[in-house]
C-alpha cells in the first residue's frame, strides 16, 4: 500500500468517525491513528525514539 492509499484510508476513517460518532469519536480516531503511526514507524526502523540531543 503506497502513501496516497494510506492517506486516503486514514481520511475516510476520520470522516466516518466524525459523521457517525461526532467530535469525540473523530478526536479518538485521530489520536489513536497518530499513536499507531508512531509505533509503526518505530517498529519499521524509520523513527529512532532513542535519539538524544548533544550539547
Protein backbone atom coordinates (compact mmCIF):
# COMPACT_ATOMS: atom_id res chain seq x y z
CA UNK A 1 0.00 0.00 0.00
CA UNK A 2 1.55 3.31 -1.02
CA UNK A 3 1.40 6.65 0.78
CA UNK A 4 -1.57 8.00 -1.17
CA UNK A 5 -3.70 4.96 -0.42
CA UNK A 6 -2.75 5.09 3.26
CA UNK A 7 -3.71 8.76 3.40
CA UNK A 8 -6.99 8.04 1.66
CA UNK A 9 -7.84 5.24 4.10
CA UNK A 10 -6.96 7.42 7.08
CA UNK A 11 -9.06 10.29 5.80
CA UNK A 12 -12.02 8.03 5.18
CA UNK A 13 -11.75 6.53 8.69
CA UNK A 14 -11.66 10.01 10.21
CA UNK A 15 -14.61 11.09 8.08
CA UNK A 16 -16.71 8.10 9.12
CA UNK A 17 -15.81 8.65 12.77
CA UNK A 18 -16.79 12.32 12.57
CA UNK A 19 -20.03 11.64 10.72
CA UNK A 20 -21.30 8.73 12.78
CA UNK A 21 -19.68 9.35 16.16
CA UNK A 22 -19.34 13.09 16.45
CA UNK A 23 -16.40 15.19 17.50
CA UNK A 24 -15.12 12.96 20.33
CA UNK A 25 -15.07 9.86 18.12
CA UNK A 26 -13.19 11.88 15.47
CA UNK A 27 -10.68 13.00 18.08
CA UNK A 28 -10.24 9.47 19.45
CA UNK A 29 -9.62 8.03 15.97
CA UNK A 30 -7.18 10.85 15.22
CA UNK A 31 -5.17 10.29 18.41
CA UNK A 32 -5.12 6.50 18.08
CA UNK A 33 -4.11 6.84 14.43
CA UNK A 34 -1.19 9.08 15.39
CA UNK A 35 -0.08 6.64 18.08
CA UNK A 36 -0.32 3.79 15.58
CA UNK A 37 1.73 5.74 13.06
CA UNK A 38 4.48 6.45 15.60
CA UNK A 39 4.60 2.82 16.75
CA UNK A 40 4.60 1.59 13.15
CA UNK A 41 7.45 3.89 12.17
CA UNK A 42 9.45 2.87 15.23
CA UNK A 43 8.95 -0.86 14.55
CA UNK A 44 9.80 -0.40 10.87
CA UNK A 45 13.01 1.41 11.80
CA UNK A 46 12.21 4.78 10.23
CA UNK A 47 11.89 6.52 13.60
CA UNK A 48 14.55 6.28 16.28
CA UNK A 49 12.99 7.08 19.65
CA UNK A 50 16.34 6.76 21.43
CA UNK A 51 17.90 9.79 19.72
CA UNK A 52 19.33 12.33 22.16
CA UNK A 53 20.34 15.92 21.59
CA UNK A 54 24.03 16.62 22.02
CA UNK A 55 25.06 19.71 23.97
